[in-house]
PDB file of all heavy atoms in Angstrom:
ATOM      1  N   ILE A   1     -18.729-200.073 -25.793  1.00  0.00           N
ATOM      2  CA  ILE A   1     -19.347-200.577 -27.018  1.00  0.00           C
ATOM      3  C   ILE A   1     -20.541-201.435 -26.608  1.00  0.00           C
ATOM      4  O   ILE A   1     -20.399-202.570 -26.162  1.00  0.00           O
ATOM      5  CB  ILE A   1     -18.333-201.370 -27.865  1.00  0.00           C
ATOM      6  CG1 ILE A   1     -17.139-200.474 -28.199  1.00  0.00           C
ATOM      7  CG2 ILE A   1     -18.983-201.890 -29.134  1.00  0.00           C
ATOM      8  CD1 ILE A   1     -15.988-201.205 -28.875  1.00  0.00           C
ATOM      9  N   GLY A   2     -21.725-200.892 -26.742  1.00  0.00           N
ATOM     10  CA  GLY A   2     -22.942-201.547 -26.323  1.00  0.00           C
ATOM     11  C   GLY A   2     -24.043-200.501 -26.167  1.00  0.00           C
ATOM     12  O   GLY A   2     -23.763-199.308 -26.208  1.00  0.00           O
ATOM     13  N   PHE A   3     -25.293-200.883 -26.046  1.00  0.00           N
ATOM     14  CA  PHE A   3     -25.703-202.268 -26.028  1.00  0.00           C
ATOM     15  C   PHE A   3     -26.218-202.673 -27.413  1.00  0.00           C
ATOM     16  O   PHE A   3     -25.923-201.997 -28.392  1.00  0.00           O
ATOM     17  CB  PHE A   3     -26.759-202.474 -24.935  1.00  0.00           C
ATOM     18  CG  PHE A   3     -26.219-202.147 -23.554  1.00  0.00           C
ATOM     19  CD1 PHE A   3     -26.744-201.111 -22.802  1.00  0.00           C
ATOM     20  CD2 PHE A   3     -25.168-202.878 -23.023  1.00  0.00           C
ATOM     21  CE1 PHE A   3     -26.238-200.817 -21.522  1.00  0.00           C
ATOM     22  CE2 PHE A   3     -24.662-202.594 -21.749  1.00  0.00           C
ATOM     23  CZ  PHE A   3     -25.200-201.559 -21.002  1.00  0.00           C
ATOM     24  N   MET A   4     -27.022-203.723 -27.529  1.00  0.00           N
ATOM     25  CA  MET A   4     -27.385-204.248 -28.833  1.00  0.00           C
ATOM     26  C   MET A   4     -28.500-203.434 -29.494  1.00  0.00           C
ATOM     27  O   MET A   4     -29.577-203.247 -28.927  1.00  0.00           O
ATOM     28  CB  MET A   4     -27.850-205.707 -28.697  1.00  0.00           C
ATOM     29  CG  MET A   4     -27.876-206.466 -30.022  1.00  0.00           C
ATOM     30  SD  MET A   4     -26.278-206.491 -30.869  1.00  0.00           S
ATOM     31  CE  MET A   4     -25.247-207.354 -29.666  1.00  0.00           C
ATOM     32  N   PRO A   5     -28.243-202.925 -30.722  1.00  0.00           N
ATOM     33  CA  PRO A   5     -29.308-202.243 -31.466  1.00  0.00           C
ATOM     34  C   PRO A   5     -30.485-203.190 -31.704  1.00  0.00           C
ATOM     35  O   PRO A   5     -30.315-204.410 -31.846  1.00  0.00           O
ATOM     36  CB  PRO A   5     -28.626-201.867 -32.785  1.00  0.00           C
ATOM     37  CG  PRO A   5     -27.159-201.855 -32.473  1.00  0.00           C
ATOM     38  CD  PRO A   5     -26.964-202.919 -31.445  1.00  0.00           C
ATOM     39  N   GLU A   6     -31.671-202.615 -31.755  1.00  0.00           N
ATOM     40  CA  GLU A   6     -32.880-203.432 -31.901  1.00  0.00           C
ATOM     41  C   GLU A   6     -32.835-204.284 -33.158  1.00  0.00           C
ATOM     42  O   GLU A   6     -33.224-205.461 -33.143  1.00  0.00           O
ATOM     43  CB  GLU A   6     -34.111-202.524 -31.913  1.00  0.00           C
ATOM     44  CG  GLU A   6     -35.431-203.271 -31.881  1.00  0.00           C
ATOM     45  CD  GLU A   6     -36.615-202.352 -31.700  1.00  0.00           C
ATOM     46  OE1 GLU A   6     -36.442-201.114 -31.855  1.00  0.00           O
ATOM     47  OE2 GLU A   6     -37.723-202.852 -31.407  1.00  0.00           O
ATOM     48  N   ALA A   7     -32.327-203.729 -34.258  1.00  0.00           N
ATOM     49  CA  ALA A   7     -32.302-204.468 -35.530  1.00  0.00           C
ATOM     50  C   ALA A   7     -31.314-205.627 -35.519  1.00  0.00           C
ATOM     51  O   ALA A   7     -31.410-206.523 -36.368  1.00  0.00           O
ATOM     52  CB  ALA A   7     -31.963-203.514 -36.677  1.00  0.00           C
ATOM     53  N   LEU A   8     -30.377-205.632 -34.586  1.00  0.00           N
ATOM     54  CA  LEU A   8     -29.393-206.717 -34.513  1.00  0.00           C
ATOM     55  C   LEU A   8     -29.680-207.707 -33.392  1.00  0.00           C
ATOM     56  O   LEU A   8     -29.079-208.786 -33.344  1.00  0.00           O
ATOM     57  CB  LEU A   8     -27.991-206.142 -34.303  1.00  0.00           C
ATOM     58  CG  LEU A   8     -27.296-205.529 -35.514  1.00  0.00           C
ATOM     59  CD1 LEU A   8     -25.927-204.998 -35.121  1.00  0.00           C
ATOM     60  CD2 LEU A   8     -27.148-206.568 -36.623  1.00  0.00           C
ATOM     61  N   SER A   9     -30.589-207.382 -32.488  1.00  0.00           N
ATOM     62  CA  SER A   9     -30.837-208.225 -31.324  1.00  0.00           C
ATOM     63  C   SER A   9     -31.468-209.550 -31.723  1.00  0.00           C
ATOM     64  O   SER A   9     -32.384-209.599 -32.550  1.00  0.00           O
ATOM     65  CB  SER A   9     -31.760-207.507 -30.333  1.00  0.00           C
ATOM     66  OG  SER A   9     -32.086-208.356 -29.254  1.00  0.00           O
ATOM     67  N   SER A  10     -30.984-210.616 -31.099  1.00  0.00           N
ATOM     68  CA  SER A  10     -31.545-211.940 -31.358  1.00  0.00           C
ATOM     69  C   SER A  10     -32.894-212.129 -30.671  1.00  0.00           C
ATOM     70  O   SER A  10     -33.615-213.084 -30.959  1.00  0.00           O
ATOM     71  CB  SER A  10     -30.577-213.031 -30.902  1.00  0.00           C
ATOM     72  OG  SER A  10     -30.249-212.870 -29.533  1.00  0.00           O
ATOM     73  N   LYS A  11     -33.246-211.222 -29.759  1.00  0.00           N
ATOM     74  CA  LYS A  11     -34.569-211.227 -29.127  1.00  0.00           C
ATOM     75  C   LYS A  11     -34.969-209.782 -28.861  1.00  0.00           C
ATOM     76  O   LYS A  11     -34.902-209.296 -27.736  1.00  0.00           O
ATOM     77  CB  LYS A  11     -34.551-212.042 -27.833  1.00  0.00           C
ATOM     78  CG  LYS A  11     -35.949-212.263 -27.248  1.00  0.00           C
ATOM     79  CD  LYS A  11     -35.903-213.113 -25.987  1.00  0.00           C
ATOM     80  CE  LYS A  11     -37.299-213.294 -25.410  1.00  0.00           C
ATOM     81  NZ  LYS A  11     -37.293-214.075 -24.148  1.00  0.00           N
ATOM     82  N   PRO A  12     -35.400-209.069 -29.894  1.00  0.00           N
ATOM     83  CA  PRO A  12     -35.574-207.614 -29.776  1.00  0.00           C
ATOM     84  C   PRO A  12     -36.774-207.149 -28.968  1.00  0.00           C
ATOM     85  O   PRO A  12     -36.783-205.998 -28.506  1.00  0.00           O
ATOM     86  CB  PRO A  12     -35.712-207.176 -31.235  1.00  0.00           C
ATOM     87  CG  PRO A  12     -36.239-208.374 -31.951  1.00  0.00           C
ATOM     88  CD  PRO A  12     -35.638-209.553 -31.268  1.00  0.00           C
ATOM     89  N   LYS A  13     -37.795-207.956 -28.779  1.00  0.00           N
ATOM     90  CA  LYS A  13     -39.012-207.502 -28.112  1.00  0.00           C
ATOM     91  C   LYS A  13     -39.161-208.146 -26.744  1.00  0.00           C
ATOM     92  O   LYS A  13     -38.938-209.353 -26.606  1.00  0.00           O
ATOM     93  CB  LYS A  13     -40.241-207.830 -28.974  1.00  0.00           C
ATOM     94  CG  LYS A  13     -40.211-207.214 -30.369  1.00  0.00           C
ATOM     95  CD  LYS A  13     -40.254-205.703 -30.319  1.00  0.00           C
ATOM     96  CE  LYS A  13     -40.299-205.100 -31.728  1.00  0.00           C
ATOM     97  NZ  LYS A  13     -40.302-203.632 -31.726  1.00  0.00           N
ATOM     98  N   PRO A  14     -39.533-207.377 -25.729  1.00  0.00           N
ATOM     99  CA  PRO A  14     -39.677-205.917 -25.723  1.00  0.00           C
ATOM    100  C   PRO A  14     -38.295-205.248 -25.705  1.00  0.00           C
ATOM    101  O   PRO A  14     -37.314-205.859 -25.272  1.00  0.00           O
ATOM    102  CB  PRO A  14     -40.423-205.646 -24.427  1.00  0.00           C
ATOM    103  CG  PRO A  14     -40.000-206.756 -23.509  1.00  0.00           C
ATOM    104  CD  PRO A  14     -39.822-207.962 -24.392  1.00  0.00           C
ATOM    105  N   TYR A  15     -38.226-204.002 -26.133  1.00  0.00           N
ATOM    106  CA  TYR A  15     -36.936-203.329 -26.246  1.00  0.00           C
ATOM    107  C   TYR A  15     -36.829-202.145 -25.264  1.00  0.00           C
ATOM    108  O   TYR A  15     -35.999-202.142 -24.391  1.00  0.00           O
ATOM    109  CB  TYR A  15     -36.719-202.854 -27.682  1.00  0.00           C
ATOM    110  CG  TYR A  15     -35.286-202.427 -27.949  1.00  0.00           C
ATOM    111  CD1 TYR A  15     -34.296-203.394 -28.179  1.00  0.00           C
ATOM    112  CD2 TYR A  15     -34.921-201.092 -27.961  1.00  0.00           C
ATOM    113  CE1 TYR A  15     -32.977-203.028 -28.405  1.00  0.00           C
ATOM    114  CE2 TYR A  15     -33.602-200.716 -28.191  1.00  0.00           C
ATOM    115  CZ  TYR A  15     -32.634-201.680 -28.417  1.00  0.00           C
ATOM    116  OH  TYR A  15     -31.328-201.317 -28.640  1.00  0.00           O
ATOM    117  N   ARG A  16     -37.683-201.165 -25.409  1.00  0.00           N
ATOM    118  CA  ARG A  16     -37.646-199.993 -24.525  1.00  0.00           C
ATOM    119  C   ARG A  16     -38.234-200.354 -23.165  1.00  0.00           C
ATOM    120  O   ARG A  16     -39.288-200.977 -23.071  1.00  0.00           O
ATOM    121  CB  ARG A  16     -38.459-198.859 -25.165  1.00  0.00           C
ATOM    122  CG  ARG A  16     -38.686-197.617 -24.292  1.00  0.00           C
ATOM    123  CD  ARG A  16     -37.419-196.793 -24.127  1.00  0.00           C
ATOM    124  NE  ARG A  16     -37.724-195.404 -23.763  1.00  0.00           N
ATOM    125  CZ  ARG A  16     -37.765-194.940 -22.504  1.00  0.00           C
ATOM    126  NH1 ARG A  16     -37.559-195.754 -21.488  1.00  0.00           N
ATOM    127  NH2 ARG A  16     -38.036-193.664 -22.284  1.00  0.00           N
ATOM    128  N   HIS A  17     -37.524-199.997 -22.082  1.00  0.00           N
ATOM    129  CA  HIS A  17     -38.088-200.200 -20.747  1.00  0.00           C
ATOM    130  C   HIS A  17     -38.464-198.849 -20.145  1.00  0.00           C
ATOM    131  O   HIS A  17     -38.016-197.792 -20.602  1.00  0.00           O
ATOM    132  CB  HIS A  17     -37.119-200.958 -19.837  1.00  0.00           C
ATOM    133  CG  HIS A  17     -35.924-200.161 -19.382  1.00  0.00           C
ATOM    134  ND1 HIS A  17     -35.999-199.149 -18.451  1.00  0.00           N
ATOM    135  CD2 HIS A  17     -34.610-200.232 -19.726  1.00  0.00           C
ATOM    136  CE1 HIS A  17     -34.816-198.632 -18.244  1.00  0.00           C
ATOM    137  NE2 HIS A  17     -33.944-199.262 -19.019  1.00  0.00           N
ATOM    138  N   TYR A  18     -39.291-198.883 -19.083  1.00  0.00           N
ATOM    139  CA  TYR A  18     -39.754-197.663 -18.409  1.00  0.00           C
ATOM    140  C   TYR A  18     -39.590-197.798 -16.901  1.00  0.00           C
ATOM    141  O   TYR A  18     -40.479-197.477 -16.124  1.00  0.00           O
ATOM    142  CB  TYR A  18     -41.209-197.378 -18.792  1.00  0.00           C
ATOM    143  CG  TYR A  18     -41.376-197.075 -20.262  1.00  0.00           C
ATOM    144  CD1 TYR A  18     -41.622-198.097 -21.169  1.00  0.00           C
ATOM    145  CD2 TYR A  18     -41.230-195.784 -20.741  1.00  0.00           C
ATOM    146  CE1 TYR A  18     -41.751-197.829 -22.534  1.00  0.00           C
ATOM    147  CE2 TYR A  18     -41.351-195.501 -22.104  1.00  0.00           C
ATOM    148  CZ  TYR A  18     -41.611-196.540 -22.990  1.00  0.00           C
ATOM    149  OH  TYR A  18     -41.724-196.259 -24.334  1.00  0.00           O
ATOM    150  N   TRP A  19     -38.420-198.266 -16.507  1.00  0.00           N
ATOM    151  CA  TRP A  19     -38.135-198.516 -15.097  1.00  0.00           C
ATOM    152  C   TRP A  19     -38.210-197.229 -14.274  1.00  0.00           C
ATOM    153  O   TRP A  19     -37.823-196.148 -14.735  1.00  0.00           O
ATOM    154  CB  TRP A  19     -36.745-199.128 -14.965  1.00  0.00           C
ATOM    155  CG  TRP A  19     -36.328-199.441 -13.565  1.00  0.00           C
ATOM    156  CD1 TRP A  19     -36.548-200.599 -12.884  1.00  0.00           C
ATOM    157  CD2 TRP A  19     -35.593-198.585 -12.668  1.00  0.00           C
ATOM    158  NE1 TRP A  19     -36.012-200.524 -11.618  1.00  0.00           N
ATOM    159  CE2 TRP A  19     -35.416-199.291 -11.460  1.00  0.00           C
ATOM    160  CE3 TRP A  19     -35.086-197.289 -12.759  1.00  0.00           C
ATOM    161  CZ2 TRP A  19     -34.753-198.756 -10.361  1.00  0.00           C
ATOM    162  CZ3 TRP A  19     -34.417-196.741 -11.662  1.00  0.00           C
ATOM    163  CH2 TRP A  19     -34.256-197.477 -10.485  1.00  0.00           C
ATOM    164  N   LYS A  20     -38.715-197.364 -13.047  1.00  0.00           N
ATOM    165  CA  LYS A  20     -38.737-196.276 -12.074  1.00  0.00           C
ATOM    166  C   LYS A  20     -38.202-196.808 -10.741  1.00  0.00           C
ATOM    167  O   LYS A  20     -38.312-198.003 -10.451  1.00  0.00           O
ATOM    168  CB  LYS A  20     -40.165-195.754 -11.852  1.00  0.00           C
ATOM    169  CG  LYS A  20     -40.803-195.143 -13.100  1.00  0.00           C
ATOM    170  CD  LYS A  20     -40.151-193.840 -13.499  1.00  0.00           C
ATOM    171  CE  LYS A  20     -40.864-193.208 -14.685  1.00  0.00           C
ATOM    172  NZ  LYS A  20     -40.178-191.969 -15.151  1.00  0.00           N
ATOM    173  N   PRO A  21     -37.632-195.942  -9.897  1.00  0.00           N
ATOM    174  CA  PRO A  21     -37.193-196.399  -8.577  1.00  0.00           C
ATOM    175  C   PRO A  21     -38.326-197.083  -7.825  1.00  0.00           C
ATOM    176  O   PRO A  21     -39.464-196.622  -7.823  1.00  0.00           O
ATOM    177  CB  PRO A  21     -36.772-195.097  -7.885  1.00  0.00           C
ATOM    178  CG  PRO A  21     -36.354-194.202  -9.001  1.00  0.00           C
ATOM    179  CD  PRO A  21     -37.291-194.523 -10.128  1.00  0.00           C
ATOM    180  N   GLY A  22     -37.999-198.200  -7.217  1.00  0.00           N
ATOM    181  CA  GLY A  22     -38.988-198.999  -6.511  1.00  0.00           C
ATOM    182  C   GLY A  22     -39.454-200.193  -7.311  1.00  0.00           C
ATOM    183  O   GLY A  22     -39.941-201.174  -6.739  1.00  0.00           O
ATOM    184  N   ALA A  23     -39.335-200.134  -8.642  1.00  0.00           N
ATOM    185  CA  ALA A  23     -39.711-201.264  -9.492  1.00  0.00           C
ATOM    186  C   ALA A  23     -38.617-202.330  -9.441  1.00  0.00           C
ATOM    187  O   ALA A  23     -37.499-202.078  -8.987  1.00  0.00           O
ATOM    188  CB  ALA A  23     -39.933-200.792 -10.920  1.00  0.00           C
ATOM    189  N   LYS A  24     -38.921-203.523  -9.912  1.00  0.00           N
ATOM    190  CA  LYS A  24     -37.933-204.592  -9.945  1.00  0.00           C
ATOM    191  C   LYS A  24     -36.800-204.220 -10.906  1.00  0.00           C
ATOM    192  O   LYS A  24     -37.044-203.808 -12.033  1.00  0.00           O
ATOM    193  CB  LYS A  24     -38.580-205.905 -10.385  1.00  0.00           C
ATOM    194  CG  LYS A  24     -39.571-206.470  -9.385  1.00  0.00           C
ATOM    195  CD  LYS A  24     -40.143-207.795  -9.865  1.00  0.00           C
ATOM    196  CE  LYS A  24     -41.118-208.378  -8.851  1.00  0.00           C
ATOM    197  NZ  LYS A  24     -41.703-209.659  -9.317  1.00  0.00           N
ATOM    198  N   TYR A  25     -35.582-204.379 -10.437  1.00  0.00           N
ATOM    199  CA  TYR A  25     -34.418-203.998 -11.241  1.00  0.00           C
ATOM    200  C   TYR A  25     -34.363-204.787 -12.549  1.00  0.00           C
ATOM    201  O   TYR A  25     -33.922-204.286 -13.585  1.00  0.00           O
ATOM    202  CB  TYR A  25     -33.140-204.224 -10.433  1.00  0.00           C
ATOM    203  CG  TYR A  25     -31.920-203.541 -11.001  1.00  0.00           C
ATOM    204  CD1 TYR A  25     -31.653-202.205 -10.718  1.00  0.00           C
ATOM    205  CD2 TYR A  25     -31.022-204.226 -11.819  1.00  0.00           C
ATOM    206  CE1 TYR A  25     -30.535-201.562 -11.220  1.00  0.00           C
ATOM    207  CE2 TYR A  25     -29.900-203.592 -12.333  1.00  0.00           C
ATOM    208  CZ  TYR A  25     -29.666-202.262 -12.027  1.00  0.00           C
ATOM    209  OH  TYR A  25     -28.566-201.627 -12.548  1.00  0.00           O
ATOM    210  N   GLU A  26     -34.838-206.017 -12.510  1.00  0.00           N
ATOM    211  CA  GLU A  26     -34.773-206.886 -13.685  1.00  0.00           C
ATOM    212  C   GLU A  26     -35.582-206.346 -14.862  1.00  0.00           C
ATOM    213  O   GLU A  26     -35.390-206.775 -16.007  1.00  0.00           O
ATOM    214  CB  GLU A  26     -35.272-208.293 -13.333  1.00  0.00           C
ATOM    215  CG  GLU A  26     -34.382-209.065 -12.377  1.00  0.00           C
ATOM    216  CD  GLU A  26     -34.465-208.578 -10.935  1.00  0.00           C
ATOM    217  OE1 GLU A  26     -35.452-207.865 -10.611  1.00  0.00           O
ATOM    218  OE2 GLU A  26     -33.557-208.885 -10.143  1.00  0.00           O
TER     219      GLU A  26
END
């Protein structure tokens, strides 16, 4: 059960990430 839908998030922005291998995991 997760994760938080954008409309319910207490801090929605930024929402979509575009991580690639080699980038910072955070």
